[in-house]
Amino acid sequence: MNPWNCNFKNGRLTFLWLYDDSLSGEIPESIGKLTFLDTLNLSYNQLTGNLPKSIGRLTRLNWLYLYLNQLSGMMPDSLCNIYLNLTNAYFAYNQFCPPYPSCVPIGKIGAQDISNCP
């Protein structure tokens, strides 16, 4: 792993590990343009807002870690485009609101603060 916590293969980003980097703000919709990503870890940050629908374009993704942020709203159904390919996925300790995508077992959603859900 290089000091930037990312790996490139043939000029394409394949590994992005931004764990506990004090990131804040929203995950941009443009995350879906990183179609060669195998690993995405955005855990232990202060990310807010919705999980972008474009997350469903990351069909090469095997590892998705989003736990311990303040992500909110409904998880997009586009997550089902990639969920079955994921080796590991962690969503716990956010503020995702039900109903959750049918492809994600409720046990995999983990603990969520739903106090601000409609």
PDB file of N, CA and C in Angstrom:
ATOM      1  N   MET A   1       0.863  -1.178   0.000  1.00  0.00           N
ATOM      2  CA  MET A   1       0.000   0.000   0.000  1.00  0.00           C
ATOM      3  C   MET A   1       0.898   1.226   0.000  1.00  0.00           C
ATOM      4  N   ASN A   2       0.548   2.225  -0.805  1.00  0.00           N
ATOM      5  CA  ASN A   2       1.352   3.444  -0.844  1.00  0.00           C
ATOM      6  C   ASN A   2       0.865   4.442   0.206  1.00  0.00           C
ATOM      7  N   PRO A   3       1.622   5.511   0.477  1.00  0.00           N
ATOM      8  CA  PRO A   3       1.233   6.434   1.549  1.00  0.00           C
ATOM      9  C   PRO A   3      -0.081   7.168   1.294  1.00  0.00           C
ATOM     10  N   TRP A   4      -0.581   7.130   0.096  1.00  0.00           N
ATOM     11  CA  TRP A   4      -1.851   7.792  -0.211  1.00  0.00           C
ATOM     12  C   TRP A   4      -3.037   6.867   0.012  1.00  0.00           C
ATOM     13  N   ASN A   5      -2.780   5.658   0.474  1.00  0.00           N
ATOM     14  CA  ASN A   5      -3.838   4.695   0.760  1.00  0.00           C
ATOM     15  C   ASN A   5      -4.690   4.364  -0.461  1.00  0.00           C
ATOM     16  N   CYS A   6      -4.026   4.293  -1.593  1.00  0.00           N
ATOM     17  CA  CYS A   6      -4.734   3.885  -2.802  1.00  0.00           C
ATOM     18  C   CYS A   6      -3.756   3.134  -3.698  1.00  0.00           C
ATOM     19  N   ASN A   7      -4.282   2.266  -4.527  1.00  0.00           N
ATOM     20  CA  ASN A   7      -3.471   1.509  -5.468  1.00  0.00           C
ATOM     21  C   ASN A   7      -4.007   1.725  -6.872  1.00  0.00           C
ATOM     22  N   PHE A   8      -3.105   1.741  -7.809  1.00  0.00           N
ATOM     23  CA  PHE A   8      -3.460   1.867  -9.206  1.00  0.00           C
ATOM     24  C   PHE A   8      -2.957   0.640  -9.949  1.00  0.00           C
ATOM     25  N   LYS A   9      -3.757   0.161 -10.866  1.00  0.00           N
ATOM     26  CA  LYS A   9      -3.355  -0.945 -11.726  1.00  0.00           C
ATOM     27  C   LYS A   9      -3.616  -0.504 -13.156  1.00  0.00           C
ATOM     28  N   ASN A  10      -2.554  -0.463 -13.940  1.00  0.00           N
ATOM     29  CA  ASN A  10      -2.661  -0.004 -15.330  1.00  0.00           C
ATOM     30  C   ASN A  10      -3.309   1.378 -15.412  1.00  0.00           C
ATOM     31  N   GLY A  11      -2.957   2.249 -14.448  1.00  0.00           N
ATOM     32  CA  GLY A  11      -3.481   3.613 -14.467  1.00  0.00           C
ATOM     33  C   GLY A  11      -4.902   3.757 -13.961  1.00  0.00           C
ATOM     34  N   ARG A  12      -5.460   2.693 -13.398  1.00  0.00           N
ATOM     35  CA  ARG A  12      -6.843   2.731 -12.904  1.00  0.00           C
ATOM     36  C   ARG A  12      -6.859   2.524 -11.402  1.00  0.00           C
ATOM     37  N   LEU A  13      -7.646   3.324 -10.711  1.00  0.00           N
ATOM     38  CA  LEU A  13      -7.750   3.208  -9.263  1.00  0.00           C
ATOM     39  C   LEU A  13      -8.494   1.929  -8.897  1.00  0.00           C
ATOM     40  N   THR A  14      -7.841   1.069  -8.112  1.00  0.00           N
ATOM     41  CA  THR A  14      -8.444  -0.204  -7.730  1.00  0.00           C
ATOM     42  C   THR A  14      -8.658  -0.333  -6.225  1.00  0.00           C
ATOM     43  N   PHE A  15      -8.002   0.517  -5.430  1.00  0.00           N
ATOM     44  CA  PHE A  15      -8.019   0.379  -3.973  1.00  0.00           C
ATOM     45  C   PHE A  15      -8.012   1.772  -3.367  1.00  0.00           C
ATOM     46  N   LEU A  16      -9.060   2.109  -2.613  1.00  0.00           N
ATOM     47  CA  LEU A  16      -9.150   3.417  -1.965  1.00  0.00           C
ATOM     48  C   LEU A  16      -9.502   3.194  -0.504  1.00  0.00           C
ATOM     49  N   TRP A  17      -8.561   3.448   0.387  1.00  0.00           N
ATOM     50  CA  TRP A  17      -8.691   3.164   1.816  1.00  0.00           C
ATOM     51  C   TRP A  17      -8.550   4.478   2.558  1.00  0.00           C
ATOM     52  N   LEU A  18      -9.668   5.116   2.883  1.00  0.00           N
ATOM     53  CA  LEU A  18      -9.684   6.408   3.566  1.00  0.00           C
ATOM     54  C   LEU A  18     -10.300   6.258   4.949  1.00  0.00           C
ATOM     55  N   TYR A  19      -9.928   5.217   5.614  1.00  0.00           N
ATOM     56  CA  TYR A  19     -10.378   4.866   6.959  1.00  0.00           C
ATOM     57  C   TYR A  19      -9.823   5.865   7.965  1.00  0.00           C
ATOM     58  N   ASP A  20     -10.707   6.413   8.796  1.00  0.00           N
ATOM     59  CA  ASP A  20     -10.295   7.288   9.889  1.00  0.00           C
ATOM     60  C   ASP A  20      -9.407   8.431   9.417  1.00  0.00           C
ATOM     61  N   ASP A  21      -9.847   9.106   8.357  1.00  0.00           N
ATOM     62  CA  ASP A  21      -9.088  10.224   7.797  1.00  0.00           C
ATOM     63  C   ASP A  21      -9.742  11.569   8.077  1.00  0.00           C
ATOM     64  N   SER A  22     -10.717  11.616   8.985  1.00  0.00           N
ATOM     65  CA  SER A  22     -11.414  12.862   9.330  1.00  0.00           C
ATOM     66  C   SER A  22     -12.091  13.502   8.119  1.00  0.00           C
ATOM     67  N   LEU A  23     -12.574  12.677   7.216  1.00  0.00           N
ATOM     68  CA  LEU A  23     -13.303  13.191   6.051  1.00  0.00           C
ATOM     69  C   LEU A  23     -14.685  13.651   6.486  1.00  0.00           C
ATOM     70  N   SER A  24     -15.162  14.716   5.870  1.00  0.00           N
ATOM     71  CA  SER A  24     -16.520  15.189   6.131  1.00  0.00           C
ATOM     72  C   SER A  24     -17.162  15.553   4.806  1.00  0.00           C
ATOM     73  N   GLY A  25     -18.459  15.799   4.833  1.00  0.00           N
ATOM     74  CA  GLY A  25     -19.190  16.111   3.615  1.00  0.00           C
ATOM     75  C   GLY A  25     -19.858  14.872   3.057  1.00  0.00           C
ATOM     76  N   GLU A  26     -20.299  14.992   1.826  1.00  0.00           N
ATOM     77  CA  GLU A  26     -21.044  13.911   1.188  1.00  0.00           C
ATOM     78  C   GLU A  26     -20.158  13.112   0.242  1.00  0.00           C
ATOM     79  N   ILE A  27     -20.517  11.862   0.052  1.00  0.00           N
ATOM     80  CA  ILE A  27     -19.853  11.049  -0.968  1.00  0.00           C
ATOM     81  C   ILE A  27     -20.380  11.542  -2.313  1.00  0.00           C
ATOM     82  N   PRO A  28     -19.514  11.967  -3.213  1.00  0.00           N
ATOM     83  CA  PRO A  28     -20.005  12.526  -4.478  1.00  0.00           C
ATOM     84  C   PRO A  28     -20.596  11.458  -5.401  1.00  0.00           C
ATOM     85  N   GLU A  29     -21.548  11.865  -6.194  1.00  0.00           N
ATOM     86  CA  GLU A  29     -22.155  10.977  -7.191  1.00  0.00           C
ATOM     87  C   GLU A  29     -21.081  10.439  -8.148  1.00  0.00           C
ATOM     88  N   SER A  30     -20.025  11.195  -8.324  1.00  0.00           N
ATOM     89  CA  SER A  30     -18.945  10.790  -9.235  1.00  0.00           C
ATOM     90  C   SER A  30     -18.172   9.568  -8.732  1.00  0.00           C
ATOM     91  N   ILE A  31     -18.439   9.094  -7.512  1.00  0.00           N
ATOM     92  CA  ILE A  31     -17.799   7.872  -7.021  1.00  0.00           C
ATOM     93  C   ILE A  31     -18.075   6.726  -7.988  1.00  0.00           C
ATOM     94  N   GLY A  32     -19.200   6.768  -8.655  1.00  0.00           N
ATOM     95  CA  GLY A  32     -19.577   5.731  -9.606  1.00  0.00           C
ATOM     96  C   GLY A  32     -18.704   5.676 -10.841  1.00  0.00           C
ATOM     97  N   LYS A  33     -17.867   6.687 -11.044  1.00  0.00           N
ATOM     98  CA  LYS A  33     -16.944   6.680 -12.186  1.00  0.00           C
ATOM     99  C   LYS A  33     -15.690   5.852 -11.908  1.00  0.00           C
ATOM    100  N   LEU A  34     -15.506   5.431 -10.663  1.00  0.00           N
ATOM    101  CA  LEU A  34     -14.329   4.645 -10.288  1.00  0.00           C
ATOM    102  C   LEU A  34     -14.624   3.158 -10.487  1.00  0.00           C
ATOM    103  N   THR A  35     -14.948   2.804 -11.717  1.00  0.00           N
ATOM    104  CA  THR A  35     -15.484   1.484 -12.022  1.00  0.00           C
ATOM    105  C   THR A  35     -14.482   0.342 -11.887  1.00  0.00           C
ATOM    106  N   PHE A  36     -13.205   0.655 -11.674  1.00  0.00           N
ATOM    107  CA  PHE A  36     -12.221  -0.403 -11.491  1.00  0.00           C
ATOM    108  C   PHE A  36     -11.911  -0.660 -10.018  1.00  0.00           C
ATOM    109  N   LEU A  37     -12.619   0.032  -9.122  1.00  0.00           N
ATOM    110  CA  LEU A  37     -12.385  -0.163  -7.697  1.00  0.00           C
ATOM    111  C   LEU A  37     -12.707  -1.595  -7.277  1.00  0.00           C
ATOM    112  N   ASP A  38     -11.797  -2.171  -6.528  1.00  0.00           N
ATOM    113  CA  ASP A  38     -11.994  -3.464  -5.907  1.00  0.00           C
ATOM    114  C   ASP A  38     -12.310  -3.278  -4.426  1.00  0.00           C
ATOM    115  N   THR A  39     -11.707  -2.244  -3.809  1.00  0.00           N
ATOM    116  CA  THR A  39     -11.843  -1.999  -2.375  1.00  0.00           C
ATOM    117  C   THR A  39     -12.125  -0.527  -2.129  1.00  0.00           C
ATOM    118  N   LEU A  40     -13.171  -0.254  -1.342  1.00  0.00           N
ATOM    119  CA  LEU A  40     -13.508   1.108  -0.945  1.00  0.00           C
ATOM    120  C   LEU A  40     -13.779   1.107   0.551  1.00  0.00           C
ATOM    121  N   ASN A  41     -12.930   1.820   1.307  1.00  0.00           N
ATOM    122  CA  ASN A  41     -13.135   1.933   2.742  1.00  0.00           C
ATOM    123  C   ASN A  41     -13.209   3.405   3.113  1.00  0.00           C
ATOM    124  N   LEU A  42     -14.402   3.844   3.512  1.00  0.00           N
ATOM    125  CA  LEU A  42     -14.642   5.219   3.946  1.00  0.00           C
ATOM    126  C   LEU A  42     -15.086   5.256   5.407  1.00  0.00           C
ATOM    127  N   SER A  43     -14.788   4.214   6.147  1.00  0.00           N
ATOM    128  CA  SER A  43     -15.247   4.080   7.531  1.00  0.00           C
ATOM    129  C   SER A  43     -14.524   5.020   8.482  1.00  0.00           C
ATOM    130  N   TYR A  44     -15.160   5.212   9.650  1.00  0.00           N
ATOM    131  CA  TYR A  44     -14.610   6.042  10.729  1.00  0.00           C
ATOM    132  C   TYR A  44     -14.301   7.453  10.244  1.00  0.00           C
ATOM    133  N   ASN A  45     -15.255   8.079   9.590  1.00  0.00           N
ATOM    134  CA  ASN A  45     -15.145   9.460   9.153  1.00  0.00           C
ATOM    135  C   ASN A  45     -16.387  10.200   9.621  1.00  0.00           C
ATOM    136  N   GLN A  46     -16.618  11.371   9.098  1.00  0.00           N
ATOM    137  CA  GLN A  46     -17.816  12.139   9.418  1.00  0.00           C
ATOM    138  C   GLN A  46     -18.612  12.422   8.141  1.00  0.00           C
ATOM    139  N   LEU A  47     -18.725  11.419   7.296  1.00  0.00           N
ATOM    140  CA  LEU A  47     -19.442  11.588   6.043  1.00  0.00           C
ATOM    141  C   LEU A  47     -20.941  11.666   6.308  1.00  0.00           C
ATOM    142  N   THR A  48     -21.613  12.530   5.570  1.00  0.00           N
ATOM    143  CA  THR A  48     -23.044  12.768   5.750  1.00  0.00           C
ATOM    144  C   THR A  48     -23.766  12.599   4.418  1.00  0.00           C
ATOM    145  N   GLY A  49     -25.084  12.707   4.471  1.00  0.00           N
ATOM    146  CA  GLY A  49     -25.885  12.660   3.257  1.00  0.00           C
ATOM    147  C   GLY A  49     -26.190  11.240   2.824  1.00  0.00           C
ATOM    148  N   ASN A  50     -26.759  11.144   1.647  1.00  0.00           N
ATOM    149  CA  ASN A  50     -27.182   9.868   1.096  1.00  0.00           C
ATOM    150  C   ASN A  50     -26.030   9.127   0.443  1.00  0.00           C
ATOM    151  N   LEU A  51     -26.145   7.820   0.398  1.00  0.00           N
ATOM    152  CA  LEU A  51     -25.235   7.000  -0.382  1.00  0.00           C
ATOM    153  C   LEU A  51     -25.641   7.197  -1.844  1.00  0.00           C
ATOM    154  N   PRO A  52     -24.723   7.652  -2.708  1.00  0.00           N
ATOM    155  CA  PRO A  52     -25.111   7.939  -4.093  1.00  0.00           C
ATOM    156  C   PRO A  52     -25.604   6.699  -4.842  1.00  0.00           C
ATOM    157  N   LYS A  53     -26.573   6.903  -5.707  1.00  0.00           N
ATOM    158  CA  LYS A  53     -27.091   5.807  -6.535  1.00  0.00           C
ATOM    159  C   LYS A  53     -25.995   5.218  -7.408  1.00  0.00           C
ATOM    160  N   SER A  54     -25.020   6.046  -7.765  1.00  0.00           N
ATOM    161  CA  SER A  54     -23.941   5.597  -8.649  1.00  0.00           C
ATOM    162  C   SER A  54     -23.078   4.506  -8.021  1.00  0.00           C
ATOM    163  N   ILE A  55     -23.225   4.247  -6.735  1.00  0.00           N
ATOM    164  CA  ILE A  55     -22.474   3.171  -6.077  1.00  0.00           C
ATOM    165  C   ILE A  55     -22.749   1.844  -6.791  1.00  0.00           C
ATOM    166  N   GLY A  56     -23.912   1.732  -7.384  1.00  0.00           N
ATOM    167  CA  GLY A  56     -24.292   0.519  -8.102  1.00  0.00           C
ATOM    168  C   GLY A  56     -23.527   0.291  -9.384  1.00  0.00           C
ATOM    169  N   ARG A  57     -22.724   1.261  -9.824  1.00  0.00           N
ATOM    170  CA  ARG A  57     -21.895   1.103 -11.024  1.00  0.00           C
ATOM    171  C   ARG A  57     -20.554   0.438 -10.709  1.00  0.00           C
ATOM    172  N   LEU A  58     -20.249   0.262  -9.435  1.00  0.00           N
ATOM    173  CA  LEU A  58     -18.939  -0.277  -9.041  1.00  0.00           C
ATOM    174  C   LEU A  58     -18.969  -1.802  -9.039  1.00  0.00           C
ATOM    175  N   THR A  59     -19.167  -2.364 -10.212  1.00  0.00           N
ATOM    176  CA  THR A  59     -19.413  -3.800 -10.343  1.00  0.00           C
ATOM    177  C   THR A  59     -18.186  -4.662 -10.064  1.00  0.00           C
ATOM    178  N   ARG A  60     -17.007  -4.084  -9.989  1.00  0.00           N
ATOM    179  CA  ARG A  60     -15.800  -4.845  -9.655  1.00  0.00           C
ATOM    180  C   ARG A  60     -15.504  -4.819  -8.146  1.00  0.00           C
ATOM    181  N   LEU A  61     -16.332  -4.128  -7.397  1.00  0.00           N
ATOM    182  CA  LEU A  61     -16.100  -3.955  -5.969  1.00  0.00           C
ATOM    183  C   LEU A  61     -16.272  -5.282  -5.220  1.00  0.00           C
ATOM    184  N   ASN A  62     -15.293  -5.592  -4.378  1.00  0.00           N
ATOM    185  CA  ASN A  62     -15.366  -6.771  -3.517  1.00  0.00           C
ATOM    186  C   ASN A  62     -15.484  -6.397  -2.050  1.00  0.00           C
ATOM    187  N   TRP A  63     -14.971  -5.242  -1.671  1.00  0.00           N
ATOM    188  CA  TRP A  63     -14.914  -4.804  -0.280  1.00  0.00           C
ATOM    189  C   TRP A  63     -15.495  -3.408  -0.193  1.00  0.00           C
ATOM    190  N   LEU A  64     -16.546  -3.243   0.596  1.00  0.00           N
ATOM    191  CA  LEU A  64     -17.198  -1.944   0.782  1.00  0.00           C
ATOM    192  C   LEU A  64     -17.404  -1.708   2.271  1.00  0.00           C
ATOM    193  N   TYR A  65     -16.704  -0.732   2.807  1.00  0.00           N
ATOM    194  CA  TYR A  65     -16.782  -0.400   4.222  1.00  0.00           C
ATOM    195  C   TYR A  65     -17.262   1.044   4.379  1.00  0.00           C
ATOM    196  N   LEU A  66     -18.421   1.212   4.976  1.00  0.00           N
ATOM    197  CA  LEU A  66     -18.996   2.549   5.178  1.00  0.00           C
ATOM    198  C   LEU A  66     -19.369   2.800   6.636  1.00  0.00           C
ATOM    199  N   TYR A  67     -19.021   1.912   7.530  1.00  0.00           N
ATOM    200  CA  TYR A  67     -19.484   2.002   8.915  1.00  0.00           C
ATOM    201  C   TYR A  67     -18.890   3.196   9.651  1.00  0.00           C
ATOM    202  N   LEU A  68     -19.602   3.588  10.707  1.00  0.00           N
ATOM    203  CA  LEU A  68     -19.209   4.683  11.594  1.00  0.00           C
ATOM    204  C   LEU A  68     -19.008   6.010  10.861  1.00  0.00           C
ATOM    205  N   ASN A  69     -20.069   6.447  10.215  1.00  0.00           N
ATOM    206  CA  ASN A  69     -20.183   7.766   9.609  1.00  0.00           C
ATOM    207  C   ASN A  69     -21.527   8.334  10.055  1.00  0.00           C
ATOM    208  N   GLN A  70     -22.003   9.339   9.366  1.00  0.00           N
ATOM    209  CA  GLN A  70     -23.351   9.849   9.601  1.00  0.00           C
ATOM    210  C   GLN A  70     -24.153   9.826   8.307  1.00  0.00           C
ATOM    211  N   LEU A  71     -23.915   8.792   7.502  1.00  0.00           N
ATOM    212  CA  LEU A  71     -24.658   8.648   6.260  1.00  0.00           C
ATOM    213  C   LEU A  71     -26.127   8.429   6.591  1.00  0.00           C
ATOM    214  N   SER A  72     -27.009   8.980   5.760  1.00  0.00           N
ATOM    215  CA  SER A  72     -28.429   8.957   6.104  1.00  0.00           C
ATOM    216  C   SER A  72     -29.284   8.723   4.870  1.00  0.00           C
ATOM    217  N   GLY A  73     -30.580   8.739   5.095  1.00  0.00           N
ATOM    218  CA  GLY A  73     -31.526   8.514   4.010  1.00  0.00           C
ATOM    219  C   GLY A  73     -31.660   7.037   3.711  1.00  0.00           C
ATOM    220  N   MET A  74     -32.291   6.761   2.611  1.00  0.00           N
ATOM    221  CA  MET A  74     -32.498   5.367   2.212  1.00  0.00           C
ATOM    222  C   MET A  74     -31.298   4.891   1.404  1.00  0.00           C
ATOM    223  N   MET A  75     -30.928   3.647   1.620  1.00  0.00           N
ATOM    224  CA  MET A  75     -29.863   3.051   0.819  1.00  0.00           C
ATOM    225  C   MET A  75     -30.433   2.843  -0.584  1.00  0.00           C
ATOM    226  N   PRO A  76     -29.680   3.220  -1.619  1.00  0.00           N
ATOM    227  CA  PRO A  76     -30.237   3.104  -2.977  1.00  0.00           C
ATOM    228  C   PRO A  76     -30.390   1.645  -3.410  1.00  0.00           C
ATOM    229  N   ASP A  77     -31.449   1.379  -4.155  1.00  0.00           N
ATOM    230  CA  ASP A  77     -31.668   0.036  -4.692  1.00  0.00           C
ATOM    231  C   ASP A  77     -30.546  -0.376  -5.640  1.00  0.00           C
ATOM    232  N   SER A  78     -29.817   0.591  -6.193  1.00  0.00           N
ATOM    233  CA  SER A  78     -28.704   0.274  -7.091  1.00  0.00           C
ATOM    234  C   SER A  78     -27.620  -0.523  -6.379  1.00  0.00           C
ATOM    235  N   LEU A  79     -27.636  -0.522  -5.052  1.00  0.00           N
ATOM    236  CA  LEU A  79     -26.698  -1.329  -4.278  1.00  0.00           C
ATOM    237  C   LEU A  79     -26.852  -2.806  -4.644  1.00  0.00           C
ATOM    238  N   CYS A  80     -28.048  -3.196  -5.061  1.00  0.00           N
ATOM    239  CA  CYS A  80     -28.298  -4.587  -5.444  1.00  0.00           C
ATOM    240  C   CYS A  80     -27.520  -4.977  -6.702  1.00  0.00           C
ATOM    241  N   ASN A  81     -27.086  -4.003  -7.497  1.00  0.00           N
ATOM    242  CA  ASN A  81     -26.277  -4.303  -8.683  1.00  0.00           C
ATOM    243  C   ASN A  81     -24.916  -4.871  -8.303  1.00  0.00           C
ATOM    244  N   ILE A  82     -24.456  -4.579  -7.091  1.00  0.00           N
ATOM    245  CA  ILE A  82     -23.117  -4.992  -6.691  1.00  0.00           C
ATOM    246  C   ILE A  82     -23.101  -5.877  -5.449  1.00  0.00           C
ATOM    247  N   TYR A  83     -24.171  -5.915  -4.695  1.00  0.00           N
ATOM    248  CA  TYR A  83     -24.138  -6.561  -3.386  1.00  0.00           C
ATOM    249  C   TYR A  83     -23.711  -8.027  -3.445  1.00  0.00           C
ATOM    250  N   LEU A  84     -24.226  -8.783  -4.374  1.00  0.00           N
ATOM    251  CA  LEU A  84     -23.906 -10.210  -4.439  1.00  0.00           C
ATOM    252  C   LEU A  84     -22.442 -10.460  -4.771  1.00  0.00           C
ATOM    253  N   ASN A  85     -21.761  -9.471  -5.378  1.00  0.00           N
ATOM    254  CA  ASN A  85     -20.336  -9.600  -5.702  1.00  0.00           C
ATOM    255  C   ASN A  85     -19.443  -9.272  -4.516  1.00  0.00           C
ATOM    256  N   LEU A  86     -19.999  -8.620  -3.496  1.00  0.00           N
ATOM    257  CA  LEU A  86     -19.190  -8.153  -2.382  1.00  0.00           C
ATOM    258  C   LEU A  86     -18.771  -9.304  -1.472  1.00  0.00           C
ATOM    259  N   THR A  87     -17.478  -9.382  -1.199  1.00  0.00           N
ATOM    260  CA  THR A  87     -16.950 -10.344  -0.242  1.00  0.00           C
ATOM    261  C   THR A  87     -17.254  -9.869   1.167  1.00  0.00           C
ATOM    262  N   ASN A  88     -17.082  -8.570   1.398  1.00  0.00           N
ATOM    263  CA  ASN A  88     -17.357  -7.957   2.691  1.00  0.00           C
ATOM    264  C   ASN A  88     -18.023  -6.609   2.478  1.00  0.00           C
ATOM    265  N   ALA A  89     -19.028  -6.334   3.278  1.00  0.00           N
ATOM    266  CA  ALA A  89     -19.718  -5.040   3.253  1.00  0.00           C
ATOM    267  C   ALA A  89     -20.167  -4.713   4.665  1.00  0.00           C
ATOM    268  N   TYR A  90     -19.841  -3.521   5.117  1.00  0.00           N
ATOM    269  CA  TYR A  90     -20.215  -3.084   6.462  1.00  0.00           C
ATOM    270  C   TYR A  90     -20.863  -1.708   6.380  1.00  0.00           C
ATOM    271  N   PHE A  91     -22.090  -1.610   6.882  1.00  0.00           N
ATOM    272  CA  PHE A  91     -22.871  -0.374   6.811  1.00  0.00           C
ATOM    273  C   PHE A  91     -23.239   0.175   8.186  1.00  0.00           C
ATOM    274  N   ALA A  92     -22.905  -0.532   9.246  1.00  0.00           N
ATOM    275  CA  ALA A  92     -23.387  -0.224  10.599  1.00  0.00           C
ATOM    276  C   ALA A  92     -22.960   1.158  11.083  1.00  0.00           C
ATOM    277  N   TYR A  93     -23.714   1.625  12.072  1.00  0.00           N
ATOM    278  CA  TYR A  93     -23.436   2.871  12.783  1.00  0.00           C
ATOM    279  C   TYR A  93     -23.467   4.089  11.862  1.00  0.00           C
ATOM    280  N   ASN A  94     -24.548   4.159  11.112  1.00  0.00           N
ATOM    281  CA  ASN A  94     -24.894   5.312  10.299  1.00  0.00           C
ATOM    282  C   ASN A  94     -26.327   5.686  10.653  1.00  0.00           C
ATOM    283  N   GLN A  95     -26.995   6.359   9.752  1.00  0.00           N
ATOM    284  CA  GLN A  95     -28.380   6.768   9.973  1.00  0.00           C
ATOM    285  C   GLN A  95     -29.254   6.369   8.779  1.00  0.00           C
ATOM    286  N   PHE A  96     -28.935   5.219   8.181  1.00  0.00           N
ATOM    287  CA  PHE A  96     -29.716   4.747   7.045  1.00  0.00           C
ATOM    288  C   PHE A  96     -31.130   4.384   7.494  1.00  0.00           C
ATOM    289  N   CYS A  97     -32.102   4.797   6.689  1.00  0.00           N
ATOM    290  CA  CYS A  97     -33.516   4.590   7.015  1.00  0.00           C
ATOM    291  C   CYS A  97     -34.084   3.376   6.288  1.00  0.00           C
ATOM    292  N   PRO A  98     -34.966   2.639   6.955  1.00  0.00           N
ATOM    293  CA  PRO A  98     -35.696   1.578   6.260  1.00  0.00           C
ATOM    294  C   PRO A  98     -36.751   2.199   5.343  1.00  0.00           C
ATOM    295  N   PRO A  99     -37.236   1.452   4.376  1.00  0.00           N
ATOM    296  CA  PRO A  99     -36.882   0.071   4.072  1.00  0.00           C
ATOM    297  C   PRO A  99     -35.521   0.000   3.381  1.00  0.00           C
ATOM    298  N   TYR A 100     -34.816  -1.090   3.624  1.00  0.00           N
ATOM    299  CA  TYR A 100     -33.494  -1.305   3.055  1.00  0.00           C
ATOM    300  C   TYR A 100     -33.626  -2.120   1.772  1.00  0.00           C
ATOM    301  N   PRO A 101     -32.639  -2.036   0.871  1.00  0.00           N
ATOM    302  CA  PRO A 101     -32.727  -2.835  -0.358  1.00  0.00           C
ATOM    303  C   PRO A 101     -32.919  -4.317  -0.037  1.00  0.00           C
ATOM    304  N   SER A 102     -33.764  -4.955  -0.803  1.00  0.00           N
ATOM    305  CA  SER A 102     -34.125  -6.352  -0.537  1.00  0.00           C
ATOM    306  C   SER A 102     -32.944  -7.302  -0.671  1.00  0.00           C
ATOM    307  N   CYS A 103     -31.916  -6.919  -1.402  1.00  0.00           N
ATOM    308  CA  CYS A 103     -30.763  -7.796  -1.614  1.00  0.00           C
ATOM    309  C   CYS A 103     -29.840  -7.856  -0.401  1.00  0.00           C
ATOM    310  N   VAL A 104     -29.961  -6.899   0.517  1.00  0.00           N
ATOM    311  CA  VAL A 104     -29.074  -6.821   1.680  1.00  0.00           C
ATOM    312  C   VAL A 104     -29.800  -7.414   2.888  1.00  0.00           C
ATOM    313  N   PRO A 105     -29.306  -8.526   3.414  1.00  0.00           N
ATOM    314  CA  PRO A 105     -29.948  -9.111   4.602  1.00  0.00           C
ATOM    315  C   PRO A 105     -29.941  -8.114   5.760  1.00  0.00           C
ATOM    316  N   ILE A 106     -31.016  -8.081   6.521  1.00  0.00           N
ATOM    317  CA  ILE A 106     -31.149  -7.119   7.614  1.00  0.00           C
ATOM    318  C   ILE A 106     -29.990  -7.229   8.597  1.00  0.00           C
ATOM    319  N   GLY A 107     -29.469  -8.421   8.797  1.00  0.00           N
ATOM    320  CA  GLY A 107     -28.335  -8.602   9.686  1.00  0.00           C
ATOM    321  C   GLY A 107     -27.070  -7.919   9.192  1.00  0.00           C
ATOM    322  N   LYS A 108     -26.981  -7.703   7.888  1.00  0.00           N
ATOM    323  CA  LYS A 108     -25.813  -7.031   7.302  1.00  0.00           C
ATOM    324  C   LYS A 108     -25.939  -5.507   7.346  1.00  0.00           C
ATOM    325  N   ILE A 109     -27.150  -5.015   7.583  1.00  0.00           N
ATOM    326  CA  ILE A 109     -27.355  -3.559   7.684  1.00  0.00           C
ATOM    327  C   ILE A 109     -26.690  -3.035   8.952  1.00  0.00           C
ATOM    328  N   GLY A 110     -26.760  -3.807  10.017  1.00  0.00           N
ATOM    329  CA  GLY A 110     -26.152  -3.425  11.283  1.00  0.00           C
ATOM    330  C   GLY A 110     -26.969  -2.363  11.995  1.00  0.00           C
ATOM    331  N   ALA A 111     -26.481  -1.932  13.131  1.00  0.00           N
ATOM    332  CA  ALA A 111     -27.173  -0.920  13.941  1.00  0.00           C
ATOM    333  C   ALA A 111     -27.195   0.412  13.209  1.00  0.00           C
ATOM    334  N   GLN A 112     -28.385   1.019  13.156  1.00  0.00           N
ATOM    335  CA  GLN A 112     -28.579   2.315  12.518  1.00  0.00           C
ATOM    336  C   GLN A 112     -29.348   3.223  13.458  1.00  0.00           C
ATOM    337  N   ASP A 113     -29.003   4.493  13.465  1.00  0.00           N
ATOM    338  CA  ASP A 113     -29.773   5.490  14.209  1.00  0.00           C
ATOM    339  C   ASP A 113     -30.902   5.955  13.291  1.00  0.00           C
ATOM    340  N   ILE A 114     -32.103   5.478  13.536  1.00  0.00           N
ATOM    341  CA  ILE A 114     -33.229   5.809  12.667  1.00  0.00           C
ATOM    342  C   ILE A 114     -34.122   6.889  13.286  1.00  0.00           C
ATOM    343  N   SER A 115     -33.620   7.599  14.275  1.00  0.00           N
ATOM    344  CA  SER A 115     -34.438   8.590  14.989  1.00  0.00           C
ATOM    345  C   SER A 115     -34.860   9.750  14.098  1.00  0.00           C
ATOM    346  N   ASN A 116     -34.156  10.019  13.008  1.00  0.00           N
ATOM    347  CA  ASN A 116     -34.529  11.114  12.109  1.00  0.00           C
ATOM    348  C   ASN A 116     -35.207  10.611  10.835  1.00  0.00           C
ATOM    349  N   CYS A 117     -35.552   9.338  10.786  1.00  0.00           N
ATOM    350  CA  CYS A 117     -36.207   8.782   9.599  1.00  0.00           C
ATOM    351  C   CYS A 117     -37.690   9.154   9.602  1.00  0.00           C
ATOM    352  N   PRO A 118     -38.258   9.321   8.401  1.00  0.00           N
ATOM    353  CA  PRO A 118     -39.692   9.626   8.327  1.00  0.00           C
ATOM    354  C   PRO A 118     -40.563   8.488   8.796  1.00  0.00           C
TER     355      PRO A 118
END
